[in-house]
Amino acid sequence: MIVLGIESSCDETGIAVYDSDRGLLAHTLHSQVAVHAEFGGVVPELASRDHIRYLVPLLEQALKQAKISKAAIDGVAYTAGPGLIGALMSGASVGRSLAWALGVPALEVHHMEGHLLAPMLEDRPPDFPFVALLVSGGHTLLAYVKGIGQYELLGQSLDDAAGEAFDKTAKLLGLGYPGGPALAALAEAGRSGVYKFPRPMIDRPGLDFSFSGLKTFALNTMQKAAEKDNGELSQQTKADISLAFEEAVVDTLKIKCRRALEQQYCDRLVIAGGVGANRRLRMELARMIRQLGGELFYPRIEFCTDNGAMIAQAGCFRLMAGETQPLEIEARARWSMQELKAI
């Protein structure tokens, strides 16, 4: 079965072609970083307009890359939530209309399910069950994954997601947008031990997260450091603070992942989402999983952030199981994964 996947939940437009027999045939992506950079964050209306501008050209590019025509498409999958409602409607409208015109089934895909299953795009996919850490700008959660659609939520962020905390702290440091990668890059020049940040909620039972306090701690640290630096932070001080912040987030995620693995008696860990591309996080989780004698899985860097490949694959799994979508389009800004059907 050949499935066209469309991702448009936030600030990246992704189109991909996935074959149930041959795997990923093509994927194209347009990032809106340049569009939103001057505003320091995503502007929903501008995001929707940019999706509309690029959806069809990217679709044609993906088909050309896959060396197939529209007539070869057996199904269309599109992100229906969670995300920015206008951005979601842009992709969903194109996807549902295309499926109707071609006379093939269409399917709405849960954005988080796409991320959770993204490691299955690799040559060495994880077997079920596994513990998954989904960590991005909008979400931070731990789930026990028994199969497709069988997701037990173990813990989640009670306030800011990890990626959101990265971006906000980067903005406080004057690092621009997108802030997370900029902060991680600056942290490479930081000196470990100069500043010590707390590891939130690690002393409490459970697997929930809280990262908003780290942002406040970072602000207080900057203000105190600025007083010593004649009112302005030096580049080295910014790097030291960036490293301390990154170490705190990574340590917190690592501690909670280990706790989840032990709680579920599981030795397989999947990491997905944009923050999953963070080099320090990958390194620390790899070290932790080796100590436990387990296995760590994650998608290649280009499939950590939002992309059409993960949507095409997740949609293919469900379309092959017989799921379809009626003609009406239902995009959702909020959508619990636990509402999904098991297949």
C-alpha atoms as a PDB file:
ATOM      1  CA  MET A   1       0.000   0.000   0.000  1.00  0.00           C
ATOM      2  CA  ILE A   2       1.362   3.435  -0.962  1.00  0.00           C
ATOM      3  CA  VAL A   3       0.376   6.246   1.405  1.00  0.00           C
ATOM      4  CA  LEU A   4       0.900   9.979   1.052  1.00  0.00           C
ATOM      5  CA  GLY A   5       1.491  11.655   4.428  1.00  0.00           C
ATOM      6  CA  ILE A   6       0.933  15.332   5.243  1.00  0.00           C
ATOM      7  CA  GLU A   7       2.245  17.101   8.357  1.00  0.00           C
ATOM      8  CA  SER A   8       1.236  20.711   9.094  1.00  0.00           C
ATOM      9  CA  SER A   9       0.617  20.880  12.842  1.00  0.00           C
ATOM     10  CA  CYS A  10       2.865  23.863  13.605  1.00  0.00           C
ATOM     11  CA  ASP A  11       5.740  25.540  11.750  1.00  0.00           C
ATOM     12  CA  GLU A  12       6.982  22.820   9.389  1.00  0.00           C
ATOM     13  CA  THR A  13       5.294  21.592   6.242  1.00  0.00           C
ATOM     14  CA  GLY A  14       6.125  17.961   5.539  1.00  0.00           C
ATOM     15  CA  ILE A  15       5.019  15.658   2.706  1.00  0.00           C
ATOM     16  CA  ALA A  16       6.140  12.037   2.382  1.00  0.00           C
ATOM     17  CA  VAL A  17       5.384   8.867   0.429  1.00  0.00           C
ATOM     18  CA  TYR A  18       5.491   5.553   2.304  1.00  0.00           C
ATOM     19  CA  ASP A  19       5.163   2.059   0.832  1.00  0.00           C
ATOM     20  CA  SER A  20       4.110  -0.783   3.127  1.00  0.00           C
ATOM     21  CA  ASP A  21       6.485  -3.128   1.283  1.00  0.00           C
ATOM     22  CA  ARG A  22       9.462  -0.893   0.440  1.00  0.00           C
ATOM     23  CA  GLY A  23       9.328   1.603   3.291  1.00  0.00           C
ATOM     24  CA  LEU A  24       9.884   5.336   2.852  1.00  0.00           C
ATOM     25  CA  LEU A  25      10.030   6.357  -0.812  1.00  0.00           C
ATOM     26  CA  ALA A  26      10.278  10.134  -0.485  1.00  0.00           C
ATOM     27  CA  HIS A  27       9.985  12.983   1.982  1.00  0.00           C
ATOM     28  CA  THR A  28      10.087  16.739   1.547  1.00  0.00           C
ATOM     29  CA  LEU A  29      10.100  19.422   4.209  1.00  0.00           C
ATOM     30  CA  HIS A  30       9.801  23.190   4.437  1.00  0.00           C
ATOM     31  CA  SER A  31      10.743  24.949   7.684  1.00  0.00           C
ATOM     32  CA  GLN A  32       9.168  28.263   8.668  1.00  0.00           C
ATOM     33  CA  VAL A  33      12.046  29.373  10.907  1.00  0.00           C
ATOM     34  CA  ALA A  34      12.752  32.423   8.739  1.00  0.00           C
ATOM     35  CA  VAL A  35       9.066  33.414   8.807  1.00  0.00           C
ATOM     36  CA  HIS A  36       8.807  33.465  12.604  1.00  0.00           C
ATOM     37  CA  ALA A  37      12.368  34.446  13.613  1.00  0.00           C
ATOM     38  CA  GLU A  38      11.699  38.183  13.818  1.00  0.00           C
ATOM     39  CA  PHE A  39       8.793  37.546  16.224  1.00  0.00           C
ATOM     40  CA  GLY A  40      10.759  35.223  18.512  1.00  0.00           C
ATOM     41  CA  GLY A  41       8.150  32.470  18.226  1.00  0.00           C
ATOM     42  CA  VAL A  42       5.466  30.928  16.031  1.00  0.00           C
ATOM     43  CA  VAL A  43       2.713  33.275  14.799  1.00  0.00           C
ATOM     44  CA  PRO A  44      -0.280  30.981  14.089  1.00  0.00           C
ATOM     45  CA  GLU A  45      -1.782  33.041  11.243  1.00  0.00           C
ATOM     46  CA  LEU A  46       1.547  33.282   9.427  1.00  0.00           C
ATOM     47  CA  ALA A  47       2.093  29.546   9.929  1.00  0.00           C
ATOM     48  CA  SER A  48      -1.250  28.717   8.282  1.00  0.00           C
ATOM     49  CA  ARG A  49      -0.555  30.968   5.296  1.00  0.00           C
ATOM     50  CA  ASP A  50       2.894  29.471   4.787  1.00  0.00           C
ATOM     51  CA  HIS A  51       1.493  25.931   4.841  1.00  0.00           C
ATOM     52  CA  ILE A  52      -0.993  26.891   2.131  1.00  0.00           C
ATOM     53  CA  ARG A  53       1.839  28.342   0.058  1.00  0.00           C
ATOM     54  CA  TYR A  54       4.024  25.223   0.184  1.00  0.00           C
ATOM     55  CA  LEU A  55       1.709  22.196   0.489  1.00  0.00           C
ATOM     56  CA  VAL A  56       1.068  21.611  -3.220  1.00  0.00           C
ATOM     57  CA  PRO A  57       4.644  22.313  -4.438  1.00  0.00           C
ATOM     58  CA  LEU A  58       6.015  19.934  -1.783  1.00  0.00           C
ATOM     59  CA  LEU A  59       3.434  17.313  -2.717  1.00  0.00           C
ATOM     60  CA  GLU A  60       4.503  17.454  -6.362  1.00  0.00           C
ATOM     61  CA  GLN A  61       8.160  17.322  -5.315  1.00  0.00           C
ATOM     62  CA  ALA A  62       7.553  14.229  -3.143  1.00  0.00           C
ATOM     63  CA  LEU A  63       5.770  12.385  -5.956  1.00  0.00           C
ATOM     64  CA  LYS A  64       8.609  13.217  -8.336  1.00  0.00           C
ATOM     65  CA  GLN A  65      11.165  12.027  -5.781  1.00  0.00           C
ATOM     66  CA  ALA A  66       9.243   8.774  -5.284  1.00  0.00           C
ATOM     67  CA  LYS A  67       8.919   8.372  -9.078  1.00  0.00           C
ATOM     68  CA  ILE A  68       5.181   7.774  -8.936  1.00  0.00           C
ATOM     69  CA  SER A  69       2.053   9.575 -10.146  1.00  0.00           C
ATOM     70  CA  LYS A  70      -0.959  10.597  -8.081  1.00  0.00           C
ATOM     71  CA  ALA A  71      -2.768   7.562  -9.520  1.00  0.00           C
ATOM     72  CA  ALA A  72      -0.386   5.262  -7.621  1.00  0.00           C
ATOM     73  CA  ILE A  73      -1.506   6.601  -4.235  1.00  0.00           C
ATOM     74  CA  ASP A  74      -3.619   4.077  -2.305  1.00  0.00           C
ATOM     75  CA  GLY A  75      -4.398   6.289   0.698  1.00  0.00           C
ATOM     76  CA  VAL A  76      -3.775   9.718   2.227  1.00  0.00           C
ATOM     77  CA  ALA A  77      -2.853  10.371   5.865  1.00  0.00           C
ATOM     78  CA  TYR A  78      -2.766  13.825   7.436  1.00  0.00           C
ATOM     79  CA  THR A  79      -2.080  15.235  10.874  1.00  0.00           C
ATOM     80  CA  ALA A  80      -5.391  16.141  12.524  1.00  0.00           C
ATOM     81  CA  GLY A  81      -4.046  17.120  15.943  1.00  0.00           C
ATOM     82  CA  PRO A  82      -2.844  18.155  18.368  1.00  0.00           C
ATOM     83  CA  GLY A  83      -1.451  21.439  17.080  1.00  0.00           C
ATOM     84  CA  LEU A  84      -2.370  24.906  15.846  1.00  0.00           C
ATOM     85  CA  ILE A  85      -5.911  24.649  14.520  1.00  0.00           C
ATOM     86  CA  GLY A  86      -5.372  26.831  11.445  1.00  0.00           C
ATOM     87  CA  ALA A  87      -2.173  25.012  10.514  1.00  0.00           C
ATOM     88  CA  LEU A  88      -3.873  21.638  10.986  1.00  0.00           C
ATOM     89  CA  MET A  89      -6.810  22.678   8.795  1.00  0.00           C
ATOM     90  CA  SER A  90      -4.438  23.672   5.998  1.00  0.00           C
ATOM     91  CA  GLY A  91      -2.934  20.200   5.689  1.00  0.00           C
ATOM     92  CA  ALA A  92      -6.142  18.346   6.498  1.00  0.00           C
ATOM     93  CA  SER A  93      -8.093  20.200   3.810  1.00  0.00           C
ATOM     94  CA  VAL A  94      -5.523  19.366   1.141  1.00  0.00           C
ATOM     95  CA  GLY A  95      -5.222  15.757   2.307  1.00  0.00           C
ATOM     96  CA  ARG A  96      -8.929  15.034   2.528  1.00  0.00           C
ATOM     97  CA  SER A  97      -9.670  16.775  -0.776  1.00  0.00           C
ATOM     98  CA  LEU A  98      -6.915  14.860  -2.566  1.00  0.00           C
ATOM     99  CA  ALA A  99      -8.185  11.540  -1.219  1.00  0.00           C
ATOM    100  CA  TRP A 100     -11.724  12.369  -2.348  1.00  0.00           C
ATOM    101  CA  ALA A 101     -10.524  13.373  -5.829  1.00  0.00           C
ATOM    102  CA  LEU A 102      -8.503  10.170  -6.198  1.00  0.00           C
ATOM    103  CA  GLY A 103     -11.228   7.957  -4.758  1.00  0.00           C
ATOM    104  CA  VAL A 104      -8.917   6.533  -2.065  1.00  0.00           C
ATOM    105  CA  PRO A 105      -9.346   6.347   1.727  1.00  0.00           C
ATOM    106  CA  ALA A 106      -8.145   9.161   3.959  1.00  0.00           C
ATOM    107  CA  LEU A 107      -7.108   8.968   7.579  1.00  0.00           C
ATOM    108  CA  GLU A 108      -6.441  11.492  10.320  1.00  0.00           C
ATOM    109  CA  VAL A 109      -3.231  10.828  12.240  1.00  0.00           C
ATOM    110  CA  HIS A 110      -2.378  11.777  15.812  1.00  0.00           C
ATOM    111  CA  HIS A 111       0.779  13.876  15.781  1.00  0.00           C
ATOM    112  CA  MET A 112       2.171  12.246  18.927  1.00  0.00           C
ATOM    113  CA  GLU A 113       1.571   8.747  17.590  1.00  0.00           C
ATOM    114  CA  GLY A 114       3.579   9.736  14.542  1.00  0.00           C
ATOM    115  CA  HIS A 115       6.498  10.736  16.760  1.00  0.00           C
ATOM    116  CA  LEU A 116       6.258   7.611  18.938  1.00  0.00           C
ATOM    117  CA  LEU A 117       6.419   5.334  15.896  1.00  0.00           C
ATOM    118  CA  ALA A 118       9.094   7.352  14.051  1.00  0.00           C
ATOM    119  CA  PRO A 119      11.936   4.981  15.144  1.00  0.00           C
ATOM    120  CA  MET A 120      10.200   2.290  13.069  1.00  0.00           C
ATOM    121  CA  LEU A 121      11.355   4.174   9.977  1.00  0.00           C
ATOM    122  CA  GLU A 122      14.878   2.952  10.739  1.00  0.00           C
ATOM    123  CA  ASP A 123      16.556  -0.288   9.679  1.00  0.00           C
ATOM    124  CA  ARG A 124      16.555  -1.496  13.299  1.00  0.00           C
ATOM    125  CA  PRO A 125      13.065  -0.770  14.651  1.00  0.00           C
ATOM    126  CA  PRO A 126      12.126  -1.481  18.279  1.00  0.00           C
ATOM    127  CA  ASP A 127       9.966  -4.447  19.215  1.00  0.00           C
ATOM    128  CA  PHE A 128       6.912  -4.000  21.422  1.00  0.00           C
ATOM    129  CA  PRO A 129       6.607  -3.343  24.283  1.00  0.00           C
ATOM    130  CA  PHE A 130       8.833  -0.360  25.042  1.00  0.00           C
ATOM    131  CA  VAL A 131       8.958   2.770  27.169  1.00  0.00           C
ATOM    132  CA  ALA A 132       8.851   5.949  25.084  1.00  0.00           C
ATOM    133  CA  LEU A 133      10.080   9.410  26.016  1.00  0.00           C
ATOM    134  CA  LEU A 134       8.387  11.938  23.781  1.00  0.00           C
ATOM    135  CA  VAL A 135      10.123  15.252  24.318  1.00  0.00           C
ATOM    136  CA  SER A 136       9.536  18.332  22.166  1.00  0.00           C
ATOM    137  CA  GLY A 137       8.633  22.006  22.242  1.00  0.00           C
ATOM    138  CA  GLY A 138       4.996  21.296  22.975  1.00  0.00           C
ATOM    139  CA  HIS A 139       5.041  17.962  24.803  1.00  0.00           C
ATOM    140  CA  THR A 140       7.044  16.023  27.359  1.00  0.00           C
ATOM    141  CA  LEU A 141       5.665  12.642  28.337  1.00  0.00           C
ATOM    142  CA  LEU A 142       6.569   9.067  29.174  1.00  0.00           C
ATOM    143  CA  ALA A 143       4.411   6.260  27.819  1.00  0.00           C
ATOM    144  CA  TYR A 144       4.432   2.473  27.957  1.00  0.00           C
ATOM    145  CA  VAL A 145       3.788   1.284  24.411  1.00  0.00           C
ATOM    146  CA  LYS A 146       2.395  -2.255  24.126  1.00  0.00           C
ATOM    147  CA  GLY A 147       1.466  -1.926  20.454  1.00  0.00           C
ATOM    148  CA  ILE A 148       0.060   0.527  17.940  1.00  0.00           C
ATOM    149  CA  GLY A 149      -2.733   2.377  19.696  1.00  0.00           C
ATOM    150  CA  GLN A 150      -1.919   0.749  23.042  1.00  0.00           C
ATOM    151  CA  TYR A 151      -0.435   3.628  24.991  1.00  0.00           C
ATOM    152  CA  GLU A 152      -0.321   3.855  28.769  1.00  0.00           C
ATOM    153  CA  LEU A 153       0.561   7.360  29.918  1.00  0.00           C
ATOM    154  CA  LEU A 154       3.116   7.098  32.709  1.00  0.00           C
ATOM    155  CA  GLY A 155       3.897  10.772  33.269  1.00  0.00           C
ATOM    156  CA  GLN A 156       3.862  14.163  31.602  1.00  0.00           C
ATOM    157  CA  SER A 157       4.888  17.769  32.127  1.00  0.00           C
ATOM    158  CA  LEU A 158       2.630  19.656  34.510  1.00  0.00           C
ATOM    159  CA  ASP A 159       3.633  23.019  33.001  1.00  0.00           C
ATOM    160  CA  ASP A 160       6.267  23.867  30.375  1.00  0.00           C
ATOM    161  CA  ALA A 161       7.451  21.106  28.070  1.00  0.00           C
ATOM    162  CA  ALA A 162      11.219  20.558  28.031  1.00  0.00           C
ATOM    163  CA  GLY A 163      11.585  22.088  24.577  1.00  0.00           C
ATOM    164  CA  GLU A 164       9.502  25.077  25.618  1.00  0.00           C
ATOM    165  CA  ALA A 165      11.756  25.610  28.642  1.00  0.00           C
ATOM    166  CA  PHE A 166      14.795  25.441  26.334  1.00  0.00           C
ATOM    167  CA  ASP A 167      13.305  28.068  24.014  1.00  0.00           C
ATOM    168  CA  LYS A 168      12.243  30.429  26.805  1.00  0.00           C
ATOM    169  CA  THR A 169      15.610  30.225  28.545  1.00  0.00           C
ATOM    170  CA  ALA A 170      17.379  30.830  25.244  1.00  0.00           C
ATOM    171  CA  LYS A 171      15.240  33.917  24.728  1.00  0.00           C
ATOM    172  CA  LEU A 172      16.235  35.212  28.171  1.00  0.00           C
ATOM    173  CA  LEU A 173      19.868  34.740  27.115  1.00  0.00           C
ATOM    174  CA  GLY A 174      19.236  36.675  23.912  1.00  0.00           C
ATOM    175  CA  LEU A 175      19.919  33.691  21.648  1.00  0.00           C
ATOM    176  CA  GLY A 176      17.076  34.247  19.202  1.00  0.00           C
ATOM    177  CA  TYR A 177      14.714  31.761  17.561  1.00  0.00           C
ATOM    178  CA  PRO A 178      14.627  28.794  17.502  1.00  0.00           C
ATOM    179  CA  GLY A 179      16.225  28.903  20.917  1.00  0.00           C
ATOM    180  CA  GLY A 180      16.671  25.244  21.890  1.00  0.00           C
ATOM    181  CA  PRO A 181      19.345  24.332  19.317  1.00  0.00           C
ATOM    182  CA  ALA A 182      21.102  27.677  19.905  1.00  0.00           C
ATOM    183  CA  LEU A 183      21.268  27.079  23.662  1.00  0.00           C
ATOM    184  CA  ALA A 184      22.582  23.532  23.161  1.00  0.00           C
ATOM    185  CA  ALA A 185      25.260  24.824  20.783  1.00  0.00           C
ATOM    186  CA  LEU A 186      26.340  27.515  23.239  1.00  0.00           C
ATOM    187  CA  ALA A 187      26.423  24.962  26.069  1.00  0.00           C
ATOM    188  CA  GLU A 188      29.257  23.185  24.250  1.00  0.00           C
ATOM    189  CA  ALA A 189      31.543  26.049  25.350  1.00  0.00           C
ATOM    190  CA  GLY A 190      30.260  26.009  28.932  1.00  0.00           C
ATOM    191  CA  ARG A 191      32.264  24.993  31.993  1.00  0.00           C
ATOM    192  CA  SER A 192      30.650  22.266  34.054  1.00  0.00           C
ATOM    193  CA  GLY A 193      30.168  23.045  37.752  1.00  0.00           C
ATOM    194  CA  VAL A 194      30.241  26.833  37.527  1.00  0.00           C
ATOM    195  CA  TYR A 195      26.483  26.934  38.140  1.00  0.00           C
ATOM    196  CA  LYS A 196      24.270  24.273  39.683  1.00  0.00           C
ATOM    197  CA  PHE A 197      20.609  24.087  38.690  1.00  0.00           C
ATOM    198  CA  PRO A 198      17.975  21.994  40.508  1.00  0.00           C
ATOM    199  CA  ARG A 199      16.585  18.743  39.097  1.00  0.00           C
ATOM    200  CA  PRO A 200      12.834  19.347  39.480  1.00  0.00           C
ATOM    201  CA  MET A 201      10.539  16.690  40.975  1.00  0.00           C
ATOM    202  CA  ILE A 202      13.134  13.899  41.080  1.00  0.00           C
ATOM    203  CA  ASP A 203      12.641  13.485  44.846  1.00  0.00           C
ATOM    204  CA  ARG A 204       8.895  12.981  44.463  1.00  0.00           C
ATOM    205  CA  PRO A 205       7.268   9.658  43.546  1.00  0.00           C
ATOM    206  CA  GLY A 206       5.807   9.331  40.085  1.00  0.00           C
ATOM    207  CA  LEU A 207       6.928  10.190  36.584  1.00  0.00           C
ATOM    208  CA  ASP A 208       5.547  13.688  35.986  1.00  0.00           C
ATOM    209  CA  PHE A 209       7.777  16.592  34.983  1.00  0.00           C
ATOM    210  CA  SER A 210       7.931  20.305  35.748  1.00  0.00           C
ATOM    211  CA  PHE A 211      10.315  22.602  33.884  1.00  0.00           C
ATOM    212  CA  SER A 212       8.885  26.101  34.409  1.00  0.00           C
ATOM    213  CA  GLY A 213      10.863  26.522  37.639  1.00  0.00           C
ATOM    214  CA  LEU A 214      14.137  25.983  35.777  1.00  0.00           C
ATOM    215  CA  LYS A 215      13.357  28.975  33.588  1.00  0.00           C
ATOM    216  CA  THR A 216      12.835  31.126  36.695  1.00  0.00           C
ATOM    217  CA  PHE A 217      16.017  29.759  38.260  1.00  0.00           C
ATOM    218  CA  ALA A 218      17.896  30.617  35.063  1.00  0.00           C
ATOM    219  CA  LEU A 219      16.545  34.179  35.137  1.00  0.00           C
ATOM    220  CA  ASN A 220      17.616  34.659  38.767  1.00  0.00           C
ATOM    221  CA  THR A 221      21.045  33.217  37.965  1.00  0.00           C
ATOM    222  CA  MET A 222      21.438  35.620  35.040  1.00  0.00           C
ATOM    223  CA  GLN A 223      20.477  38.619  37.144  1.00  0.00           C
ATOM    224  CA  LYS A 224      22.971  37.740  39.868  1.00  0.00           C
ATOM    225  CA  ALA A 225      25.707  37.058  37.316  1.00  0.00           C
ATOM    226  CA  ALA A 226      25.003  40.336  35.526  1.00  0.00           C
ATOM    227  CA  GLU A 227      25.586  42.248  38.764  1.00  0.00           C
ATOM    228  CA  LYS A 228      29.074  40.744  38.919  1.00  0.00           C
ATOM    229  CA  ASP A 229      29.698  41.341  35.191  1.00  0.00           C
ATOM    230  CA  ASN A 230      28.995  45.095  35.380  1.00  0.00           C
ATOM    231  CA  GLY A 231      25.382  44.692  34.332  1.00  0.00           C
ATOM    232  CA  GLU A 232      25.994  42.627  31.192  1.00  0.00           C
ATOM    233  CA  LEU A 233      26.571  38.891  30.783  1.00  0.00           C
ATOM    234  CA  SER A 234      29.772  37.826  29.075  1.00  0.00           C
ATOM    235  CA  GLN A 235      29.625  35.170  26.367  1.00  0.00           C
ATOM    236  CA  GLN A 236      31.401  32.728  28.684  1.00  0.00           C
ATOM    237  CA  THR A 237      28.856  33.322  31.446  1.00  0.00           C
ATOM    238  CA  LYS A 238      26.021  32.699  28.990  1.00  0.00           C
ATOM    239  CA  ALA A 239      27.705  29.457  27.931  1.00  0.00           C
ATOM    240  CA  ASP A 240      28.140  28.355  31.571  1.00  0.00           C
ATOM    241  CA  ILE A 241      24.472  29.067  32.335  1.00  0.00           C
ATOM    242  CA  SER A 242      23.390  27.276  29.143  1.00  0.00           C
ATOM    243  CA  LEU A 243      25.370  24.190  30.133  1.00  0.00           C
ATOM    244  CA  ALA A 244      24.001  24.172  33.686  1.00  0.00           C
ATOM    245  CA  PHE A 245      20.458  24.471  32.350  1.00  0.00           C
ATOM    246  CA  GLU A 246      20.953  21.732  29.754  1.00  0.00           C
ATOM    247  CA  GLU A 247      22.523  19.379  32.301  1.00  0.00           C
ATOM    248  CA  ALA A 248      19.554  19.901  34.642  1.00  0.00           C
ATOM    249  CA  VAL A 249      16.988  19.092  31.962  1.00  0.00           C
ATOM    250  CA  VAL A 250      18.919  16.078  30.659  1.00  0.00           C
ATOM    251  CA  ASP A 251      19.542  14.670  34.150  1.00  0.00           C
ATOM    252  CA  THR A 252      15.864  15.043  35.032  1.00  0.00           C
ATOM    253  CA  LEU A 253      14.756  13.257  31.856  1.00  0.00           C
ATOM    254  CA  LYS A 254      17.335  10.511  32.400  1.00  0.00           C
ATOM    255  CA  ILE A 255      16.290   9.890  36.013  1.00  0.00           C
ATOM    256  CA  LYS A 256      12.619   9.678  35.069  1.00  0.00           C
ATOM    257  CA  CYS A 257      13.351   7.372  32.104  1.00  0.00           C
ATOM    258  CA  ARG A 258      15.282   4.984  34.317  1.00  0.00           C
ATOM    259  CA  ARG A 259      12.480   5.027  36.863  1.00  0.00           C
ATOM    260  CA  ALA A 260       9.919   4.259  34.137  1.00  0.00           C
ATOM    261  CA  LEU A 261      11.964   1.353  32.746  1.00  0.00           C
ATOM    262  CA  GLU A 262      12.361  -0.179  36.188  1.00  0.00           C
ATOM    263  CA  GLN A 263       8.701   0.375  37.040  1.00  0.00           C
ATOM    264  CA  GLN A 264       7.542  -1.384  33.843  1.00  0.00           C
ATOM    265  CA  TYR A 265      10.228  -4.105  33.996  1.00  0.00           C
ATOM    266  CA  CYS A 266      11.206  -3.081  30.477  1.00  0.00           C
ATOM    267  CA  ASP A 267      14.652  -2.848  28.867  1.00  0.00           C
ATOM    268  CA  ARG A 268      13.747  -1.007  25.647  1.00  0.00           C
ATOM    269  CA  LEU A 269      13.651   2.798  25.542  1.00  0.00           C
ATOM    270  CA  VAL A 270      12.498   4.915  22.591  1.00  0.00           C
ATOM    271  CA  ILE A 271      13.251   8.620  22.424  1.00  0.00           C
ATOM    272  CA  ALA A 272      11.288  10.778  19.987  1.00  0.00           C
ATOM    273  CA  GLY A 273      10.450  14.428  19.372  1.00  0.00           C
ATOM    274  CA  GLY A 274      12.510  17.499  18.576  1.00  0.00           C
ATOM    275  CA  VAL A 275      14.494  17.572  21.834  1.00  0.00           C
ATOM    276  CA  GLY A 276      15.403  13.957  21.085  1.00  0.00           C
ATOM    277  CA  ALA A 277      17.976  15.389  18.674  1.00  0.00           C
ATOM    278  CA  ASN A 278      19.888  16.947  21.601  1.00  0.00           C
ATOM    279  CA  ARG A 279      23.388  15.451  21.628  1.00  0.00           C
ATOM    280  CA  ARG A 280      23.817  15.477  25.421  1.00  0.00           C
ATOM    281  CA  LEU A 281      20.440  13.807  25.973  1.00  0.00           C
ATOM    282  CA  ARG A 282      21.263  11.012  23.519  1.00  0.00           C
ATOM    283  CA  MET A 283      24.673  10.503  25.087  1.00  0.00           C
ATOM    284  CA  GLU A 284      23.371  10.352  28.669  1.00  0.00           C
ATOM    285  CA  LEU A 285      20.450   8.060  27.836  1.00  0.00           C
ATOM    286  CA  ALA A 286      22.806   5.743  25.925  1.00  0.00           C
ATOM    287  CA  ARG A 287      25.085   5.572  28.961  1.00  0.00           C
ATOM    288  CA  MET A 288      22.139   4.870  31.253  1.00  0.00           C
ATOM    289  CA  ILE A 289      20.669   2.149  29.036  1.00  0.00           C
ATOM    290  CA  ARG A 290      24.068   0.402  28.799  1.00  0.00           C
ATOM    291  CA  GLN A 291      24.207   0.258  32.590  1.00  0.00           C
ATOM    292  CA  LEU A 292      20.796  -1.421  32.581  1.00  0.00           C
ATOM    293  CA  GLY A 293      21.773  -3.813  29.788  1.00  0.00           C
ATOM    294  CA  GLY A 294      18.917  -2.570  27.631  1.00  0.00           C
ATOM    295  CA  GLU A 295      18.439  -1.055  24.176  1.00  0.00           C
ATOM    296  CA  LEU A 296      17.938   2.546  23.071  1.00  0.00           C
ATOM    297  CA  PHE A 297      16.080   3.488  19.884  1.00  0.00           C
ATOM    298  CA  TYR A 298      15.549   6.847  18.230  1.00  0.00           C
ATOM    299  CA  PRO A 299      14.872   8.137  14.710  1.00  0.00           C
ATOM    300  CA  ARG A 300      17.549   9.850  12.654  1.00  0.00           C
ATOM    301  CA  ILE A 301      17.907  13.577  13.368  1.00  0.00           C
ATOM    302  CA  GLU A 302      15.739  14.694  10.439  1.00  0.00           C
ATOM    303  CA  PHE A 303      12.822  12.630  11.755  1.00  0.00           C
ATOM    304  CA  CYS A 304      13.022  13.911  15.343  1.00  0.00           C
ATOM    305  CA  THR A 305      11.365  17.204  14.438  1.00  0.00           C
ATOM    306  CA  ASP A 306       7.984  17.359  12.688  1.00  0.00           C
ATOM    307  CA  ASN A 307       7.967  15.596   9.322  1.00  0.00           C
ATOM    308  CA  GLY A 308       5.665  13.938   6.832  1.00  0.00           C
ATOM    309  CA  ALA A 309       7.453  10.564   6.950  1.00  0.00           C
ATOM    310  CA  MET A 310       6.220   9.721  10.439  1.00  0.00           C
ATOM    311  CA  ILE A 311       2.652  10.675   9.470  1.00  0.00           C
ATOM    312  CA  ALA A 312       2.741   8.595   6.272  1.00  0.00           C
ATOM    313  CA  GLN A 313       4.038   5.568   8.176  1.00  0.00           C
ATOM    314  CA  ALA A 314       1.563   5.834  11.068  1.00  0.00           C
ATOM    315  CA  GLY A 315      -1.254   6.393   8.595  1.00  0.00           C
ATOM    316  CA  CYS A 316      -0.194   3.363   6.559  1.00  0.00           C
ATOM    317  CA  PHE A 317      -0.294   1.120   9.631  1.00  0.00           C
ATOM    318  CA  ARG A 318      -3.857   2.183  10.401  1.00  0.00           C
ATOM    319  CA  LEU A 319      -5.128   2.248   6.806  1.00  0.00           C
ATOM    320  CA  MET A 320      -3.891  -1.318   6.361  1.00  0.00           C
ATOM    321  CA  ALA A 321      -5.815  -2.258   9.505  1.00  0.00           C
ATOM    322  CA  GLY A 322      -9.001  -1.020   7.814  1.00  0.00           C
ATOM    323  CA  GLU A 323      -9.408   2.419   9.389  1.00  0.00           C
ATOM    324  CA  THR A 324     -10.775   5.231   7.204  1.00  0.00           C
ATOM    325  CA  GLN A 325     -12.048   8.752   7.678  1.00  0.00           C
ATOM    326  CA  PRO A 326     -15.433  10.141   6.555  1.00  0.00           C
ATOM    327  CA  LEU A 327     -15.634  13.185   4.286  1.00  0.00           C
ATOM    328  CA  GLU A 328     -15.872  15.745   7.071  1.00  0.00           C
ATOM    329  CA  ILE A 329     -12.611  17.178   8.411  1.00  0.00           C
ATOM    330  CA  GLU A 330     -12.124  17.225  12.175  1.00  0.00           C
ATOM    331  CA  ALA A 331      -8.925  18.981  13.226  1.00  0.00           C
ATOM    332  CA  ARG A 332      -8.253  19.165  16.967  1.00  0.00           C
ATOM    333  CA  ALA A 333      -5.958  21.486  18.882  1.00  0.00           C
ATOM    334  CA  ARG A 334      -6.052  18.997  21.775  1.00  0.00           C
ATOM    335  CA  TRP A 335      -6.333  15.248  21.391  1.00  0.00           C
ATOM    336  CA  SER A 336      -5.475  12.553  23.926  1.00  0.00           C
ATOM    337  CA  MET A 337      -3.539   9.570  22.590  1.00  0.00           C
ATOM    338  CA  GLN A 338      -5.578   7.338  24.857  1.00  0.00           C
ATOM    339  CA  GLU A 339      -8.589   7.960  22.594  1.00  0.00           C
ATOM    340  CA  LEU A 340      -6.841   6.084  19.767  1.00  0.00           C
ATOM    341  CA  LYS A 341      -7.942   2.590  18.767  1.00  0.00           C
ATOM    342  CA  ALA A 342      -5.568  -0.337  19.175  1.00  0.00           C
ATOM    343  CA  ILE A 343      -4.726  -2.238  16.001  1.00  0.00           C
END
